[in-house]
Amino acid sequence: MLTLLDANGATAVRVYAAEAETVDLAGVLAAGESATAAYAFAVPADARDEVTLVVDFDGDHTSAIFRGGLD
């Protein structure tokens, strides 16, 4: 589960439009394999200076948190 918070702390809306070319992570991987995903969010231009992306794997693991600005 991905959650993106904009610079104002508001939760950004996920974009599912076809032109966004998003692809969720899904399925099972064998050891040594990899997978690629693409996600899109609608973030107002004036709230892109400092965003926070939270990646929540499941209820058993600590979330990964990434912070930074968007170009």
N, C-alpha and C. Protein backbone atom coordinates (compact mmCIF):
# COMPACT_ATOMS: atom_id res chain seq x y z
N MET A 1 0.84 -1.17 0.00
CA MET A 1 0.00 0.00 0.00
C MET A 1 0.89 1.23 0.00
N LEU A 2 0.64 2.16 -0.92
CA LEU A 2 1.39 3.40 -1.00
C LEU A 2 0.51 4.57 -0.60
N THR A 3 1.05 5.45 0.20
CA THR A 3 0.36 6.68 0.57
C THR A 3 1.33 7.82 0.34
N LEU A 4 0.89 8.85 -0.37
CA LEU A 4 1.71 10.02 -0.61
C LEU A 4 1.08 11.22 0.08
N LEU A 5 1.87 11.88 0.92
CA LEU A 5 1.43 13.09 1.60
C LEU A 5 2.14 14.27 0.96
N ASP A 6 1.38 15.32 0.63
CA ASP A 6 2.00 16.48 0.01
C ASP A 6 2.64 17.37 1.08
N ALA A 7 3.23 18.49 0.66
CA ALA A 7 3.94 19.38 1.58
C ALA A 7 3.04 19.93 2.66
N ASN A 8 1.73 19.96 2.42
CA ASN A 8 0.78 20.45 3.42
C ASN A 8 0.27 19.34 4.33
N GLY A 9 0.73 18.10 4.12
CA GLY A 9 0.29 16.97 4.94
C GLY A 9 -0.98 16.31 4.45
N ALA A 10 -1.51 16.77 3.31
CA ALA A 10 -2.73 16.18 2.75
C ALA A 10 -2.39 14.91 1.97
N THR A 11 -3.26 13.94 2.04
CA THR A 11 -3.07 12.70 1.28
C THR A 11 -3.36 12.96 -0.18
N ALA A 12 -2.39 12.64 -1.04
CA ALA A 12 -2.55 12.84 -2.48
C ALA A 12 -3.46 11.76 -3.06
N VAL A 13 -4.17 12.11 -4.09
CA VAL A 13 -5.10 11.19 -4.75
C VAL A 13 -4.33 10.34 -5.76
N ARG A 14 -4.54 9.02 -5.72
CA ARG A 14 -3.94 8.13 -6.72
C ARG A 14 -4.58 8.38 -8.07
N VAL A 15 -3.79 8.32 -9.13
CA VAL A 15 -4.27 8.52 -10.49
C VAL A 15 -4.28 7.16 -11.19
N TYR A 16 -5.43 6.81 -11.75
CA TYR A 16 -5.58 5.52 -12.43
C TYR A 16 -5.86 5.70 -13.92
N ALA A 17 -5.78 6.91 -14.43
CA ALA A 17 -6.07 7.16 -15.84
C ALA A 17 -5.11 6.37 -16.73
N ALA A 18 -5.60 5.90 -17.85
CA ALA A 18 -4.79 5.07 -18.76
C ALA A 18 -3.51 5.78 -19.18
N GLU A 19 -3.59 7.08 -19.42
CA GLU A 19 -2.39 7.80 -19.86
C GLU A 19 -1.32 7.91 -18.78
N ALA A 20 -1.67 7.62 -17.53
CA ALA A 20 -0.68 7.61 -16.45
C ALA A 20 0.19 6.37 -16.49
N GLU A 21 -0.25 5.35 -17.22
CA GLU A 21 0.50 4.09 -17.40
C GLU A 21 0.96 3.50 -16.06
N THR A 22 0.01 3.38 -15.13
CA THR A 22 0.32 2.80 -13.82
C THR A 22 0.25 1.27 -13.86
N VAL A 23 1.05 0.65 -13.03
CA VAL A 23 1.09 -0.82 -12.92
C VAL A 23 1.34 -1.17 -11.46
N ASP A 24 0.38 -1.85 -10.82
CA ASP A 24 0.55 -2.27 -9.42
C ASP A 24 1.50 -3.44 -9.31
N LEU A 25 2.12 -3.55 -8.13
CA LEU A 25 2.88 -4.77 -7.82
C LEU A 25 1.87 -5.86 -7.46
N ALA A 26 2.08 -7.04 -8.00
CA ALA A 26 1.17 -8.15 -7.72
C ALA A 26 1.89 -9.46 -8.01
N GLY A 27 1.40 -10.52 -7.39
CA GLY A 27 1.93 -11.84 -7.68
C GLY A 27 2.99 -12.29 -6.70
N VAL A 28 3.61 -13.40 -7.04
CA VAL A 28 4.64 -14.02 -6.21
C VAL A 28 5.92 -14.10 -7.01
N LEU A 29 7.05 -13.78 -6.36
CA LEU A 29 8.35 -13.85 -7.02
C LEU A 29 9.18 -14.97 -6.42
N ALA A 30 9.89 -15.65 -7.25
CA ALA A 30 10.86 -16.64 -6.77
C ALA A 30 12.12 -15.90 -6.33
N ALA A 31 12.92 -16.55 -5.53
CA ALA A 31 14.18 -15.95 -5.07
C ALA A 31 15.00 -15.50 -6.27
N GLY A 32 15.52 -14.27 -6.20
CA GLY A 32 16.36 -13.74 -7.26
C GLY A 32 15.61 -13.01 -8.36
N GLU A 33 14.29 -13.13 -8.41
CA GLU A 33 13.52 -12.43 -9.43
C GLU A 33 13.21 -11.01 -8.96
N SER A 34 12.76 -10.19 -9.89
CA SER A 34 12.40 -8.82 -9.54
C SER A 34 11.09 -8.45 -10.24
N ALA A 35 10.50 -7.35 -9.79
CA ALA A 35 9.27 -6.86 -10.39
C ALA A 35 9.34 -5.33 -10.43
N THR A 36 8.59 -4.75 -11.33
CA THR A 36 8.55 -3.30 -11.47
C THR A 36 7.11 -2.83 -11.40
N ALA A 37 6.90 -1.70 -10.75
CA ALA A 37 5.56 -1.10 -10.66
C ALA A 37 5.68 0.38 -11.00
N ALA A 38 4.56 0.98 -11.34
CA ALA A 38 4.51 2.42 -11.61
C ALA A 38 3.22 2.97 -10.99
N TYR A 39 3.35 4.01 -10.18
CA TYR A 39 2.22 4.62 -9.51
C TYR A 39 2.19 6.11 -9.85
N ALA A 40 1.02 6.69 -9.84
CA ALA A 40 0.88 8.12 -10.13
C ALA A 40 -0.04 8.74 -9.09
N PHE A 41 0.29 9.97 -8.70
CA PHE A 41 -0.49 10.71 -7.72
C PHE A 41 -0.73 12.13 -8.24
N ALA A 42 -1.87 12.69 -7.89
CA ALA A 42 -2.16 14.08 -8.22
C ALA A 42 -1.72 14.95 -7.04
N VAL A 43 -0.70 15.76 -7.26
CA VAL A 43 -0.17 16.62 -6.22
C VAL A 43 -0.19 18.07 -6.73
N PRO A 44 -0.87 18.96 -6.02
CA PRO A 44 -0.91 20.36 -6.45
C PRO A 44 0.50 20.93 -6.59
N ALA A 45 0.71 21.77 -7.57
CA ALA A 45 2.03 22.34 -7.84
C ALA A 45 2.60 23.06 -6.63
N ASP A 46 1.76 23.72 -5.85
CA ASP A 46 2.26 24.47 -4.70
C ASP A 46 2.49 23.61 -3.46
N ALA A 47 2.35 22.28 -3.59
CA ALA A 47 2.55 21.37 -2.45
C ALA A 47 3.55 20.28 -2.78
N ARG A 48 4.46 20.54 -3.71
CA ARG A 48 5.44 19.53 -4.15
C ARG A 48 6.83 19.70 -3.55
N ASP A 49 7.03 20.75 -2.75
CA ASP A 49 8.36 21.03 -2.21
C ASP A 49 8.88 19.93 -1.31
N GLU A 50 8.01 19.35 -0.52
CA GLU A 50 8.40 18.30 0.44
C GLU A 50 7.27 17.30 0.54
N VAL A 51 7.41 16.16 -0.11
CA VAL A 51 6.38 15.12 -0.04
C VAL A 51 6.92 13.94 0.76
N THR A 52 6.00 13.13 1.25
CA THR A 52 6.35 11.93 2.00
C THR A 52 5.63 10.75 1.38
N LEU A 53 6.39 9.73 0.99
CA LEU A 53 5.82 8.51 0.45
C LEU A 53 5.97 7.41 1.49
N VAL A 54 4.84 6.82 1.89
CA VAL A 54 4.84 5.74 2.87
C VAL A 54 4.50 4.44 2.15
N VAL A 55 5.39 3.46 2.27
CA VAL A 55 5.18 2.14 1.68
C VAL A 55 4.91 1.18 2.82
N ASP A 56 3.66 0.71 2.91
CA ASP A 56 3.23 -0.18 3.98
C ASP A 56 3.13 -1.59 3.40
N PHE A 57 4.03 -2.46 3.79
CA PHE A 57 4.09 -3.81 3.23
C PHE A 57 2.96 -4.70 3.75
N ASP A 58 2.77 -4.70 5.04
CA ASP A 58 1.73 -5.51 5.67
C ASP A 58 1.68 -5.15 7.15
N GLY A 59 0.82 -5.79 7.89
CA GLY A 59 0.69 -5.49 9.31
C GLY A 59 1.82 -5.99 10.18
N ASP A 60 2.74 -6.77 9.61
CA ASP A 60 3.83 -7.35 10.39
C ASP A 60 5.15 -6.60 10.27
N HIS A 61 5.28 -5.71 9.29
CA HIS A 61 6.55 -5.05 9.03
C HIS A 61 6.42 -3.54 9.18
N THR A 62 7.52 -2.90 9.52
CA THR A 62 7.56 -1.45 9.63
C THR A 62 7.48 -0.85 8.23
N SER A 63 6.77 0.25 8.10
CA SER A 63 6.64 0.92 6.82
C SER A 63 7.96 1.57 6.41
N ALA A 64 8.19 1.65 5.11
CA ALA A 64 9.32 2.41 4.57
C ALA A 64 8.81 3.81 4.28
N ILE A 65 9.58 4.83 4.67
CA ILE A 65 9.17 6.21 4.48
C ILE A 65 10.25 6.95 3.70
N PHE A 66 9.85 7.61 2.63
CA PHE A 66 10.75 8.38 1.78
C PHE A 66 10.27 9.82 1.78
N ARG A 67 11.20 10.78 1.91
CA ARG A 67 10.85 12.19 1.91
C ARG A 67 11.73 12.94 0.92
N GLY A 68 11.13 13.93 0.27
CA GLY A 68 11.88 14.77 -0.64
C GLY A 68 10.95 15.60 -1.48
N GLY A 69 11.52 16.46 -2.31
CA GLY A 69 10.74 17.31 -3.18
C GLY A 69 10.52 16.68 -4.54
N LEU A 70 9.51 17.18 -5.24
CA LEU A 70 9.22 16.74 -6.59
C LEU A 70 9.61 17.83 -7.57
N ASP A 71 10.09 17.44 -8.71
CA ASP A 71 10.44 18.40 -9.77
C ASP A 71 9.22 18.77 -10.56
